[in-house]
């Protein structure tokens, strides 16, 4: 989990350099067709939930079933000066 927390700190630093101080985080979970065991998926999703909560409190959302077939993912969205949303890293 410390690797994910380190990534959040890194992203915050880099995005901050470019003026993107706020961004939205979304945890995309196990899709209908997935590889691996359910136990591994549940463990991975739980670890990412803990890391997200530690970093942003409750300021993130779950996107059920939108993960990649090989694992859950965290989607990062930032808004530009015109308040248009763009998915990043």
PDB file of N, CA and C in Angstrom:
ATOM      1  N   UNK A   1       0.829  -1.191   0.000  1.00  0.00           N
ATOM      2  CA  UNK A   1       0.000   0.000   0.000  1.00  0.00           C
ATOM      3  C   UNK A   1       0.871   1.251   0.000  1.00  0.00           C
ATOM      4  N   UNK A   2       2.071   1.197   0.554  1.00  0.00           N
ATOM      5  CA  UNK A   2       2.930   2.379   0.600  1.00  0.00           C
ATOM      6  C   UNK A   2       3.324   2.832  -0.805  1.00  0.00           C
ATOM      7  N   UNK A   3       3.393   1.907  -1.770  1.00  0.00           N
ATOM      8  CA  UNK A   3       3.705   2.284  -3.145  1.00  0.00           C
ATOM      9  C   UNK A   3       2.606   3.167  -3.718  1.00  0.00           C
ATOM     10  N   UNK A   4       1.363   2.809  -3.462  1.00  0.00           N
ATOM     11  CA  UNK A   4       0.232   3.591  -3.965  1.00  0.00           C
ATOM     12  C   UNK A   4       0.206   4.957  -3.284  1.00  0.00           C
ATOM     13  N   UNK A   5       0.450   4.983  -1.982  1.00  0.00           N
ATOM     14  CA  UNK A   5       0.478   6.257  -1.264  1.00  0.00           C
ATOM     15  C   UNK A   5       1.587   7.149  -1.810  1.00  0.00           C
ATOM     16  N   UNK A   6       2.740   6.564  -2.129  1.00  0.00           N
ATOM     17  CA  UNK A   6       3.830   7.323  -2.725  1.00  0.00           C
ATOM     18  C   UNK A   6       3.452   7.894  -4.081  1.00  0.00           C
ATOM     19  N   UNK A   7       2.698   7.124  -4.857  1.00  0.00           N
ATOM     20  CA  UNK A   7       2.220   7.617  -6.146  1.00  0.00           C
ATOM     21  C   UNK A   7       1.275   8.800  -5.980  1.00  0.00           C
ATOM     22  N   UNK A   8       0.406   8.745  -4.992  1.00  0.00           N
ATOM     23  CA  UNK A   8      -0.509   9.863  -4.744  1.00  0.00           C
ATOM     24  C   UNK A   8       0.279  11.127  -4.406  1.00  0.00           C
ATOM     25  N   UNK A   9       1.283  10.996  -3.566  1.00  0.00           N
ATOM     26  CA  UNK A   9       2.114  12.153  -3.216  1.00  0.00           C
ATOM     27  C   UNK A   9       2.833  12.695  -4.449  1.00  0.00           C
ATOM     28  N   UNK A  10       3.360  11.796  -5.266  1.00  0.00           N
ATOM     29  CA  UNK A  10       4.041  12.198  -6.490  1.00  0.00           C
ATOM     30  C   UNK A  10       3.092  12.932  -7.434  1.00  0.00           C
ATOM     31  N   UNK A  11       1.900  12.353  -7.646  1.00  0.00           N
ATOM     32  CA  UNK A  11       0.923  12.984  -8.535  1.00  0.00           C
ATOM     33  C   UNK A  11       0.529  14.365  -8.033  1.00  0.00           C
ATOM     34  N   UNK A  12       0.315  14.475  -6.745  1.00  0.00           N
ATOM     35  CA  UNK A  12      -0.068  15.764  -6.177  1.00  0.00           C
ATOM     36  C   UNK A  12       1.046  16.798  -6.416  1.00  0.00           C
ATOM     37  N   UNK A  13       2.282  16.400  -6.267  1.00  0.00           N
ATOM     38  CA  UNK A  13       3.406  17.313  -6.505  1.00  0.00           C
ATOM     39  C   UNK A  13       3.494  17.725  -7.970  1.00  0.00           C
ATOM     40  N   UNK A  14       3.423  16.748  -8.861  1.00  0.00           N
ATOM     41  CA  UNK A  14       3.552  17.032 -10.294  1.00  0.00           C
ATOM     42  C   UNK A  14       2.360  17.846 -10.798  1.00  0.00           C
ATOM     43  N   UNK A  15       1.146  17.417 -10.467  1.00  0.00           N
ATOM     44  CA  UNK A  15      -0.030  18.167 -10.914  1.00  0.00           C
ATOM     45  C   UNK A  15      -0.011  19.578 -10.343  1.00  0.00           C
ATOM     46  N   UNK A  16       0.458  19.722  -9.113  1.00  0.00           N
ATOM     47  CA  UNK A  16       0.548  21.038  -8.488  1.00  0.00           C
ATOM     48  C   UNK A  16       1.477  21.967  -9.246  1.00  0.00           C
ATOM     49  N   UNK A  17       2.564  21.430  -9.798  1.00  0.00           N
ATOM     50  CA  UNK A  17       3.484  22.242 -10.597  1.00  0.00           C
ATOM     51  C   UNK A  17       2.786  22.890 -11.786  1.00  0.00           C
ATOM     52  N   UNK A  18       1.785  22.216 -12.307  1.00  0.00           N
ATOM     53  CA  UNK A  18       1.051  22.716 -13.464  1.00  0.00           C
ATOM     54  C   UNK A  18      -0.264  23.395 -13.090  1.00  0.00           C
ATOM     55  N   UNK A  19      -0.488  23.588 -11.803  1.00  0.00           N
ATOM     56  CA  UNK A  19      -1.671  24.306 -11.350  1.00  0.00           C
ATOM     57  C   UNK A  19      -2.905  23.454 -11.147  1.00  0.00           C
ATOM     58  N   UNK A  20      -2.775  22.149 -11.232  1.00  0.00           N
ATOM     59  CA  UNK A  20      -3.909  21.257 -11.007  1.00  0.00           C
ATOM     60  C   UNK A  20      -3.871  20.780  -9.560  1.00  0.00           C
ATOM     61  N   UNK A  21      -4.459  21.581  -8.680  1.00  0.00           N
ATOM     62  CA  UNK A  21      -4.389  21.268  -7.259  1.00  0.00           C
ATOM     63  C   UNK A  21      -5.513  20.346  -6.798  1.00  0.00           C
ATOM     64  N   UNK A  22      -6.570  20.283  -7.568  1.00  0.00           N
ATOM     65  CA  UNK A  22      -7.662  19.374  -7.213  1.00  0.00           C
ATOM     66  C   UNK A  22      -7.890  18.413  -8.379  1.00  0.00           C
ATOM     67  N   UNK A  23      -8.124  17.190  -8.024  1.00  0.00           N
ATOM     68  CA  UNK A  23      -8.447  16.198  -9.028  1.00  0.00           C
ATOM     69  C   UNK A  23      -9.381  15.175  -8.405  1.00  0.00           C
ATOM     70  N   UNK A  24     -10.124  14.494  -9.263  1.00  0.00           N
ATOM     71  CA  UNK A  24     -11.096  13.501  -8.811  1.00  0.00           C
ATOM     72  C   UNK A  24     -10.504  12.108  -8.986  1.00  0.00           C
ATOM     73  N   UNK A  25     -10.777  11.263  -8.016  1.00  0.00           N
ATOM     74  CA  UNK A  25     -10.287   9.887  -8.061  1.00  0.00           C
ATOM     75  C   UNK A  25     -11.468   8.920  -8.085  1.00  0.00           C
ATOM     76  N   UNK A  26     -11.315   7.879  -8.892  1.00  0.00           N
ATOM     77  CA  UNK A  26     -12.376   6.889  -9.033  1.00  0.00           C
ATOM     78  C   UNK A  26     -11.736   5.507  -9.036  1.00  0.00           C
ATOM     79  N   UNK A  27     -12.224   4.630  -8.182  1.00  0.00           N
ATOM     80  CA  UNK A  27     -11.755   3.245  -8.142  1.00  0.00           C
ATOM     81  C   UNK A  27     -12.641   2.402  -9.047  1.00  0.00           C
ATOM     82  N   UNK A  28     -12.043   1.848 -10.091  1.00  0.00           N
ATOM     83  CA  UNK A  28     -12.776   0.978 -11.012  1.00  0.00           C
ATOM     84  C   UNK A  28     -12.546  -0.467 -10.579  1.00  0.00           C
ATOM     85  N   UNK A  29     -13.631  -1.163 -10.308  1.00  0.00           N
ATOM     86  CA  UNK A  29     -13.567  -2.497  -9.717  1.00  0.00           C
ATOM     87  C   UNK A  29     -13.742  -3.612 -10.753  1.00  0.00           C
ATOM     88  N   UNK A  30     -13.733  -4.828 -10.263  1.00  0.00           N
ATOM     89  CA  UNK A  30     -13.761  -6.059 -11.071  1.00  0.00           C
ATOM     90  C   UNK A  30     -14.881  -6.047 -12.121  1.00  0.00           C
ATOM     91  N   UNK A  31     -14.499  -6.231 -13.396  1.00  0.00           N
ATOM     92  CA  UNK A  31     -15.512  -6.325 -14.447  1.00  0.00           C
ATOM     93  C   UNK A  31     -16.146  -7.716 -14.474  1.00  0.00           C
ATOM     94  N   UNK A  32     -17.145  -7.859 -15.275  1.00  0.00           N
ATOM     95  CA  UNK A  32     -17.849  -9.131 -15.386  1.00  0.00           C
ATOM     96  C   UNK A  32     -16.909 -10.248 -15.865  1.00  0.00           C
ATOM     97  N   UNK A  33     -16.081  -9.932 -16.852  1.00  0.00           N
ATOM     98  CA  UNK A  33     -15.108 -10.906 -17.363  1.00  0.00           C
ATOM     99  C   UNK A  33     -13.734 -10.490 -16.842  1.00  0.00           C
ATOM    100  N   UNK A  34     -13.173 -11.304 -15.967  1.00  0.00           N
ATOM    101  CA  UNK A  34     -11.898 -10.964 -15.346  1.00  0.00           C
ATOM    102  C   UNK A  34     -11.003 -12.196 -15.258  1.00  0.00           C
ATOM    103  N   UNK A  35      -9.700 -11.936 -15.084  1.00  0.00           N
ATOM    104  CA  UNK A  35      -8.732 -13.012 -14.891  1.00  0.00           C
ATOM    105  C   UNK A  35      -8.379 -13.089 -13.416  1.00  0.00           C
ATOM    106  N   UNK A  36      -7.934 -14.250 -12.982  1.00  0.00           N
ATOM    107  CA  UNK A  36      -7.468 -14.408 -11.619  1.00  0.00           C
ATOM    108  C   UNK A  36      -8.564 -14.852 -10.674  1.00  0.00           C
ATOM    109  N   UNK A  37      -8.172 -14.950  -9.412  1.00  0.00           N
ATOM    110  CA  UNK A  37      -9.111 -15.430  -8.401  1.00  0.00           C
ATOM    111  C   UNK A  37      -9.889 -14.282  -7.767  1.00  0.00           C
ATOM    112  N   UNK A  38     -11.069 -14.604  -7.328  1.00  0.00           N
ATOM    113  CA  UNK A  38     -11.913 -13.620  -6.648  1.00  0.00           C
ATOM    114  C   UNK A  38     -11.226 -13.116  -5.383  1.00  0.00           C
ATOM    115  N   UNK A  39     -10.529 -13.992  -4.686  1.00  0.00           N
ATOM    116  CA  UNK A  39      -9.823 -13.618  -3.462  1.00  0.00           C
ATOM    117  C   UNK A  39      -8.756 -12.554  -3.748  1.00  0.00           C
ATOM    118  N   UNK A  40      -8.012 -12.744  -4.816  1.00  0.00           N
ATOM    119  CA  UNK A  40      -6.972 -11.778  -5.183  1.00  0.00           C
ATOM    120  C   UNK A  40      -7.594 -10.437  -5.551  1.00  0.00           C
ATOM    121  N   UNK A  41      -8.672 -10.466  -6.308  1.00  0.00           N
ATOM    122  CA  UNK A  41      -9.375  -9.232  -6.679  1.00  0.00           C
ATOM    123  C   UNK A  41      -9.865  -8.497  -5.438  1.00  0.00           C
ATOM    124  N   UNK A  42     -10.505  -9.235  -4.541  1.00  0.00           N
ATOM    125  CA  UNK A  42     -11.036  -8.597  -3.326  1.00  0.00           C
ATOM    126  C   UNK A  42      -9.924  -7.959  -2.506  1.00  0.00           C
ATOM    127  N   UNK A  43      -8.798  -8.636  -2.397  1.00  0.00           N
ATOM    128  CA  UNK A  43      -7.667  -8.100  -1.638  1.00  0.00           C
ATOM    129  C   UNK A  43      -7.115  -6.842  -2.309  1.00  0.00           C
ATOM    130  N   UNK A  44      -6.956  -6.876  -3.625  1.00  0.00           N
ATOM    131  CA  UNK A  44      -6.434  -5.710  -4.352  1.00  0.00           C
ATOM    132  C   UNK A  44      -7.372  -4.517  -4.221  1.00  0.00           C
ATOM    133  N   UNK A  45      -8.668  -4.756  -4.390  1.00  0.00           N
ATOM    134  CA  UNK A  45      -9.640  -3.669  -4.270  1.00  0.00           C
ATOM    135  C   UNK A  45      -9.642  -3.083  -2.860  1.00  0.00           C
ATOM    136  N   UNK A  46      -9.551  -3.928  -1.863  1.00  0.00           N
ATOM    137  CA  UNK A  46      -9.543  -3.462  -0.472  1.00  0.00           C
ATOM    138  C   UNK A  46      -8.318  -2.599  -0.183  1.00  0.00           C
ATOM    139  N   UNK A  47      -7.170  -3.008  -0.676  1.00  0.00           N
ATOM    140  CA  UNK A  47      -5.949  -2.224  -0.468  1.00  0.00           C
ATOM    141  C   UNK A  47      -6.047  -0.858  -1.145  1.00  0.00           C
ATOM    142  N   UNK A  48      -6.598  -0.832  -2.351  1.00  0.00           N
ATOM    143  CA  UNK A  48      -6.754   0.446  -3.044  1.00  0.00           C
ATOM    144  C   UNK A  48      -7.769   1.342  -2.333  1.00  0.00           C
ATOM    145  N   UNK A  49      -8.835   0.760  -1.803  1.00  0.00           N
ATOM    146  CA  UNK A  49      -9.812   1.542  -1.036  1.00  0.00           C
ATOM    147  C   UNK A  49      -9.160   2.180   0.185  1.00  0.00           C
ATOM    148  N   UNK A  50      -8.328   1.410   0.878  1.00  0.00           N
ATOM    149  CA  UNK A  50      -7.639   1.939   2.059  1.00  0.00           C
ATOM    150  C   UNK A  50      -6.715   3.087   1.683  1.00  0.00           C
ATOM    151  N   UNK A  51      -5.966   2.913   0.600  1.00  0.00           N
ATOM    152  CA  UNK A  51      -5.038   3.955   0.163  1.00  0.00           C
ATOM    153  C   UNK A  51      -5.791   5.216  -0.265  1.00  0.00           C
ATOM    154  N   UNK A  52      -6.880   5.048  -0.997  1.00  0.00           N
ATOM    155  CA  UNK A  52      -7.685   6.202  -1.415  1.00  0.00           C
ATOM    156  C   UNK A  52      -8.261   6.941  -0.218  1.00  0.00           C
ATOM    157  N   UNK A  53      -8.766   6.194   0.746  1.00  0.00           N
ATOM    158  CA  UNK A  53      -9.357   6.808   1.933  1.00  0.00           C
ATOM    159  C   UNK A  53      -8.303   7.546   2.748  1.00  0.00           C
ATOM    160  N   UNK A  54      -7.127   6.972   2.860  1.00  0.00           N
ATOM    161  CA  UNK A  54      -6.058   7.637   3.595  1.00  0.00           C
ATOM    162  C   UNK A  54      -5.646   8.936   2.902  1.00  0.00           C
ATOM    163  N   UNK A  55      -5.643   8.927   1.578  1.00  0.00           N
ATOM    164  CA  UNK A  55      -5.213  10.094   0.809  1.00  0.00           C
ATOM    165  C   UNK A  55      -6.294  11.167   0.703  1.00  0.00           C
ATOM    166  N   UNK A  56      -7.537  10.767   0.408  1.00  0.00           N
ATOM    167  CA  UNK A  56      -8.605  11.731   0.117  1.00  0.00           C
ATOM    168  C   UNK A  56      -9.814  11.627   1.042  1.00  0.00           C
ATOM    169  N   UNK A  57      -9.736  10.853   2.104  1.00  0.00           N
ATOM    170  CA  UNK A  57     -10.910  10.690   2.962  1.00  0.00           C
ATOM    171  C   UNK A  57     -12.014  10.003   2.192  1.00  0.00           C
ATOM    172  N   UNK A  58     -13.196  10.595   2.197  1.00  0.00           N
ATOM    173  CA  UNK A  58     -14.325  10.030   1.449  1.00  0.00           C
ATOM    174  C   UNK A  58     -14.530  10.726   0.111  1.00  0.00           C
ATOM    175  N   UNK A  59     -13.546  11.508  -0.325  1.00  0.00           N
ATOM    176  CA  UNK A  59     -13.670  12.286  -1.553  1.00  0.00           C
ATOM    177  C   UNK A  59     -13.190  11.497  -2.780  1.00  0.00           C
ATOM    178  N   UNK A  60     -13.770  10.339  -2.993  1.00  0.00           N
ATOM    179  CA  UNK A  60     -13.518   9.511  -4.165  1.00  0.00           C
ATOM    180  C   UNK A  60     -14.728   8.620  -4.367  1.00  0.00           C
ATOM    181  N   UNK A  61     -14.864   8.044  -5.548  1.00  0.00           N
ATOM    182  CA  UNK A  61     -16.038   7.230  -5.853  1.00  0.00           C
ATOM    183  C   UNK A  61     -15.612   5.861  -6.384  1.00  0.00           C
ATOM    184  N   UNK A  62     -16.552   4.942  -6.341  1.00  0.00           N
ATOM    185  CA  UNK A  62     -16.346   3.598  -6.893  1.00  0.00           C
ATOM    186  C   UNK A  62     -17.106   3.504  -8.212  1.00  0.00           C
ATOM    187  N   UNK A  63     -16.435   2.996  -9.223  1.00  0.00           N
ATOM    188  CA  UNK A  63     -17.049   2.739 -10.525  1.00  0.00           C
ATOM    189  C   UNK A  63     -17.110   1.222 -10.686  1.00  0.00           C
ATOM    190  N   UNK A  64     -18.220   0.662 -10.239  1.00  0.00           N
ATOM    191  CA  UNK A  64     -18.397  -0.795 -10.225  1.00  0.00           C
ATOM    192  C   UNK A  64     -18.252  -1.389 -11.621  1.00  0.00           C
ATOM    193  N   UNK A  65     -17.388  -2.395 -11.721  1.00  0.00           N
ATOM    194  CA  UNK A  65     -17.266  -3.173 -12.941  1.00  0.00           C
ATOM    195  C   UNK A  65     -16.464  -2.538 -14.061  1.00  0.00           C
ATOM    196  N   UNK A  66     -15.825  -1.386 -13.819  1.00  0.00           N
ATOM    197  CA  UNK A  66     -15.098  -0.707 -14.894  1.00  0.00           C
ATOM    198  C   UNK A  66     -13.592  -0.962 -14.844  1.00  0.00           C
ATOM    199  N   UNK A  67     -13.151  -1.880 -13.995  1.00  0.00           N
ATOM    200  CA  UNK A  67     -11.728  -2.201 -13.921  1.00  0.00           C
ATOM    201  C   UNK A  67     -11.264  -2.927 -15.169  1.00  0.00           C
ATOM    202  N   UNK A  68      -9.959  -3.029 -15.323  1.00  0.00           N
ATOM    203  CA  UNK A  68      -9.398  -3.787 -16.434  1.00  0.00           C
ATOM    204  C   UNK A  68      -9.574  -5.279 -16.147  1.00  0.00           C
ATOM    205  N   UNK A  69      -9.535  -6.115 -17.157  1.00  0.00           N
ATOM    206  CA  UNK A  69      -9.751  -7.552 -16.948  1.00  0.00           C
ATOM    207  C   UNK A  69      -8.694  -8.166 -16.044  1.00  0.00           C
ATOM    208  N   UNK A  70      -7.529  -7.503 -15.924  1.00  0.00           N
ATOM    209  CA  UNK A  70      -6.418  -8.051 -15.145  1.00  0.00           C
ATOM    210  C   UNK A  70      -6.283  -7.436 -13.751  1.00  0.00           C
ATOM    211  N   UNK A  71      -7.083  -6.408 -13.438  1.00  0.00           N
ATOM    212  CA  UNK A  71      -6.986  -5.834 -12.100  1.00  0.00           C
ATOM    213  C   UNK A  71      -7.763  -4.538 -11.951  1.00  0.00           C
ATOM    214  N   UNK A  72      -8.023  -4.142 -10.699  1.00  0.00           N
ATOM    215  CA  UNK A  72      -8.709  -2.872 -10.457  1.00  0.00           C
ATOM    216  C   UNK A  72      -7.789  -1.711 -10.816  1.00  0.00           C
ATOM    217  N   UNK A  73      -8.375  -0.549 -11.021  1.00  0.00           N
ATOM    218  CA  UNK A  73      -7.560   0.611 -11.373  1.00  0.00           C
ATOM    219  C   UNK A  73      -8.130   1.868 -10.729  1.00  0.00           C
ATOM    220  N   UNK A  74      -7.281   2.861 -10.631  1.00  0.00           N
ATOM    221  CA  UNK A  74      -7.699   4.165 -10.127  1.00  0.00           C
ATOM    222  C   UNK A  74      -7.652   5.130 -11.295  1.00  0.00           C
ATOM    223  N   UNK A  75      -8.785   5.732 -11.613  1.00  0.00           N
ATOM    224  CA  UNK A  75      -8.862   6.732 -12.674  1.00  0.00           C
ATOM    225  C   UNK A  75      -8.744   8.111 -12.050  1.00  0.00           C
ATOM    226  N   UNK A  76      -7.946   8.957 -12.683  1.00  0.00           N
ATOM    227  CA  UNK A  76      -7.707  10.313 -12.190  1.00  0.00           C
ATOM    228  C   UNK A  76      -8.245  11.296 -13.218  1.00  0.00           C
ATOM    229  N   UNK A  77      -9.091  12.209 -12.780  1.00  0.00           N
ATOM    230  CA  UNK A  77      -9.673  13.210 -13.654  1.00  0.00           C
ATOM    231  C   UNK A  77      -9.337  14.596 -13.120  1.00  0.00           C
ATOM    232  N   UNK A  78      -8.861  15.457 -14.021  1.00  0.00           N
ATOM    233  CA  UNK A  78      -8.584  16.843 -13.633  1.00  0.00           C
ATOM    234  C   UNK A  78      -9.420  17.766 -14.503  1.00  0.00           C
ATOM    235  N   UNK A  79      -9.621  18.986 -14.041  1.00  0.00           N
ATOM    236  CA  UNK A  79     -10.372  19.984 -14.802  1.00  0.00           C
ATOM    237  C   UNK A  79      -9.401  21.051 -15.299  1.00  0.00           C
ATOM    238  N   UNK A  80      -9.576  21.474 -16.550  1.00  0.00           N
ATOM    239  CA  UNK A  80      -8.729  22.529 -17.085  1.00  0.00           C
ATOM    240  C   UNK A  80      -9.307  23.901 -16.727  1.00  0.00           C
ATOM    241  N   UNK A  81      -8.718  24.955 -17.245  1.00  0.00           N
ATOM    242  CA  UNK A  81      -9.144  26.321 -16.922  1.00  0.00           C
ATOM    243  C   UNK A  81     -10.583  26.594 -17.350  1.00  0.00           C
ATOM    244  N   UNK A  82     -11.061  25.856 -18.331  1.00  0.00           N
ATOM    245  CA  UNK A  82     -12.442  26.015 -18.787  1.00  0.00           C
ATOM    246  C   UNK A  82     -13.391  25.042 -18.092  1.00  0.00           C
ATOM    247  N   UNK A  83     -12.878  24.382 -17.053  1.00  0.00           N
ATOM    248  CA  UNK A  83     -13.633  23.426 -16.248  1.00  0.00           C
ATOM    249  C   UNK A  83     -14.096  22.193 -17.031  1.00  0.00           C
ATOM    250  N   UNK A  84     -13.332  21.860 -18.068  1.00  0.00           N
ATOM    251  CA  UNK A  84     -13.593  20.619 -18.798  1.00  0.00           C
ATOM    252  C   UNK A  84     -12.801  19.509 -18.106  1.00  0.00           C
ATOM    253  N   UNK A  85     -13.410  18.350 -17.973  1.00  0.00           N
ATOM    254  CA  UNK A  85     -12.751  17.225 -17.301  1.00  0.00           C
ATOM    255  C   UNK A  85     -11.972  16.396 -18.300  1.00  0.00           C
ATOM    256  N   UNK A  86     -10.758  15.981 -17.856  1.00  0.00           N
ATOM    257  CA  UNK A  86      -9.887  15.137 -18.667  1.00  0.00           C
ATOM    258  C   UNK A  86      -9.343  14.029 -17.792  1.00  0.00           C
ATOM    259  N   UNK A  87      -9.364  12.806 -18.324  1.00  0.00           N
ATOM    260  CA  UNK A  87      -8.778  11.697 -17.571  1.00  0.00           C
ATOM    261  C   UNK A  87      -7.270  11.730 -17.766  1.00  0.00           C
ATOM    262  N   UNK A  88      -6.547  11.604 -16.670  1.00  0.00           N
ATOM    263  CA  UNK A  88      -5.088  11.638 -16.696  1.00  0.00           C
ATOM    264  C   UNK A  88      -4.546  10.317 -16.185  1.00  0.00           C
ATOM    265  N   UNK A  89      -3.268  10.263 -16.002  1.00  0.00           N
ATOM    266  CA  UNK A  89      -2.486   9.117 -15.543  1.00  0.00           C
ATOM    267  C   UNK A  89      -3.297   7.908 -15.178  1.00  0.00           C
TER     268      UNK A  89
END
